Amino acid sequence: MELINRYRGSLLGLAVGDAVGTTLEFKAPGSFTPIEDMVGGG
């Protein structure tokens, strides 16, 4: 695997994790149901 692909993958993972995490950012652990989809629109 080329190094550039690893860089791209890590940045993509960071972006996706950040996008998913914003819906739960200020909620206490265990106080929400599992996330099964993403809703766009900012």
N, C-alpha and C. Protein backbone atom coordinates (compact mmCIF):
# COMPACT_ATOMS: atom_id res chain seq x y z
N MET A 1 0.85 -1.18 0.00
CA MET A 1 0.00 0.00 0.00
C MET A 1 0.89 1.24 0.00
N GLU A 2 0.58 2.16 -0.89
CA GLU A 2 1.39 3.36 -0.97
C GLU A 2 1.09 4.29 0.21
N LEU A 3 2.08 5.06 0.56
CA LEU A 3 1.95 5.97 1.69
C LEU A 3 0.85 7.01 1.46
N ILE A 4 0.72 7.49 0.25
CA ILE A 4 -0.32 8.50 -0.04
C ILE A 4 -1.71 7.94 0.20
N ASN A 5 -1.94 6.66 -0.09
CA ASN A 5 -3.24 6.05 0.18
C ASN A 5 -3.51 5.95 1.67
N ARG A 6 -2.49 5.73 2.44
CA ARG A 6 -2.65 5.69 3.90
C ARG A 6 -3.00 7.06 4.44
N TYR A 7 -2.37 8.09 3.90
CA TYR A 7 -2.69 9.47 4.30
C TYR A 7 -4.14 9.80 3.96
N ARG A 8 -4.54 9.47 2.75
CA ARG A 8 -5.92 9.74 2.33
C ARG A 8 -6.93 9.00 3.20
N GLY A 9 -6.64 7.76 3.49
CA GLY A 9 -7.54 6.97 4.33
C GLY A 9 -7.66 7.52 5.73
N SER A 10 -6.55 7.97 6.28
CA SER A 10 -6.61 8.52 7.63
C SER A 10 -7.40 9.83 7.66
N LEU A 11 -7.24 10.67 6.64
CA LEU A 11 -8.00 11.92 6.59
C LEU A 11 -9.49 11.67 6.36
N LEU A 12 -9.80 10.69 5.54
CA LEU A 12 -11.20 10.34 5.32
C LEU A 12 -11.83 9.81 6.61
N GLY A 13 -11.10 8.95 7.31
CA GLY A 13 -11.59 8.43 8.58
C GLY A 13 -11.80 9.53 9.61
N LEU A 14 -10.90 10.49 9.63
CA LEU A 14 -11.04 11.64 10.53
C LEU A 14 -12.30 12.43 10.20
N ALA A 15 -12.53 12.70 8.93
CA ALA A 15 -13.70 13.48 8.51
C ALA A 15 -15.00 12.75 8.82
N VAL A 16 -15.06 11.46 8.54
CA VAL A 16 -16.27 10.69 8.80
C VAL A 16 -16.53 10.60 10.30
N GLY A 17 -15.50 10.33 11.07
CA GLY A 17 -15.65 10.26 12.53
C GLY A 17 -16.12 11.57 13.11
N ASP A 18 -15.61 12.67 12.60
CA ASP A 18 -16.02 13.98 13.07
C ASP A 18 -17.48 14.25 12.71
N ALA A 19 -17.89 13.88 11.51
CA ALA A 19 -19.27 14.10 11.08
C ALA A 19 -20.25 13.28 11.91
N VAL A 20 -19.91 12.05 12.21
CA VAL A 20 -20.79 11.20 13.01
C VAL A 20 -20.81 11.67 14.46
N GLY A 21 -19.67 12.10 14.96
CA GLY A 21 -19.56 12.52 16.35
C GLY A 21 -20.31 13.79 16.70
N THR A 22 -20.58 14.64 15.72
CA THR A 22 -21.26 15.90 16.03
C THR A 22 -22.68 15.69 16.52
N THR A 23 -23.32 14.61 16.12
CA THR A 23 -24.69 14.35 16.58
C THR A 23 -24.73 13.94 18.04
N LEU A 24 -23.62 13.50 18.58
CA LEU A 24 -23.58 13.02 19.97
C LEU A 24 -22.64 13.84 20.84
N GLU A 25 -22.18 14.95 20.35
CA GLU A 25 -21.10 15.69 20.99
C GLU A 25 -21.36 16.04 22.45
N PHE A 26 -22.55 16.49 22.79
CA PHE A 26 -22.81 16.95 24.16
C PHE A 26 -23.76 16.04 24.92
N LYS A 27 -23.93 14.82 24.46
CA LYS A 27 -24.81 13.88 25.14
C LYS A 27 -23.99 12.96 26.04
N ALA A 28 -24.61 12.57 27.14
CA ALA A 28 -23.94 11.67 28.07
C ALA A 28 -23.90 10.25 27.49
N PRO A 29 -22.85 9.50 27.79
CA PRO A 29 -22.77 8.12 27.30
C PRO A 29 -23.98 7.30 27.75
N GLY A 30 -24.55 6.56 26.84
CA GLY A 30 -25.68 5.71 27.15
C GLY A 30 -27.03 6.41 27.13
N SER A 31 -27.07 7.71 26.83
CA SER A 31 -28.34 8.44 26.85
C SER A 31 -28.95 8.58 25.46
N PHE A 32 -28.48 7.80 24.50
CA PHE A 32 -28.97 7.89 23.13
C PHE A 32 -29.04 6.50 22.52
N THR A 33 -29.85 6.39 21.48
CA THR A 33 -29.94 5.12 20.77
C THR A 33 -28.81 5.04 19.75
N PRO A 34 -28.44 3.86 19.31
CA PRO A 34 -27.36 3.73 18.33
C PRO A 34 -27.67 4.49 17.04
N ILE A 35 -26.66 5.08 16.45
CA ILE A 35 -26.82 5.80 15.18
C ILE A 35 -26.81 4.79 14.05
N GLU A 36 -27.83 4.84 13.21
CA GLU A 36 -27.94 3.91 12.10
C GLU A 36 -27.89 4.59 10.74
N ASP A 37 -27.99 5.92 10.70
CA ASP A 37 -27.92 6.64 9.43
C ASP A 37 -27.42 8.06 9.67
N MET A 38 -27.12 8.73 8.58
CA MET A 38 -26.66 10.12 8.66
C MET A 38 -27.64 10.99 7.88
N VAL A 39 -27.93 12.16 8.43
CA VAL A 39 -28.81 13.12 7.78
C VAL A 39 -27.97 14.34 7.42
N GLY A 40 -27.97 14.71 6.16
CA GLY A 40 -27.17 15.83 5.70
C GLY A 40 -27.88 17.16 5.87
N GLY A 41 -27.21 18.20 5.41
CA GLY A 41 -27.80 19.52 5.43
C GLY A 41 -27.18 20.47 6.43
N GLY A 42 -26.17 20.00 7.16
CA GLY A 42 -25.48 20.89 8.09
C GLY A 42 -26.21 21.09 9.29
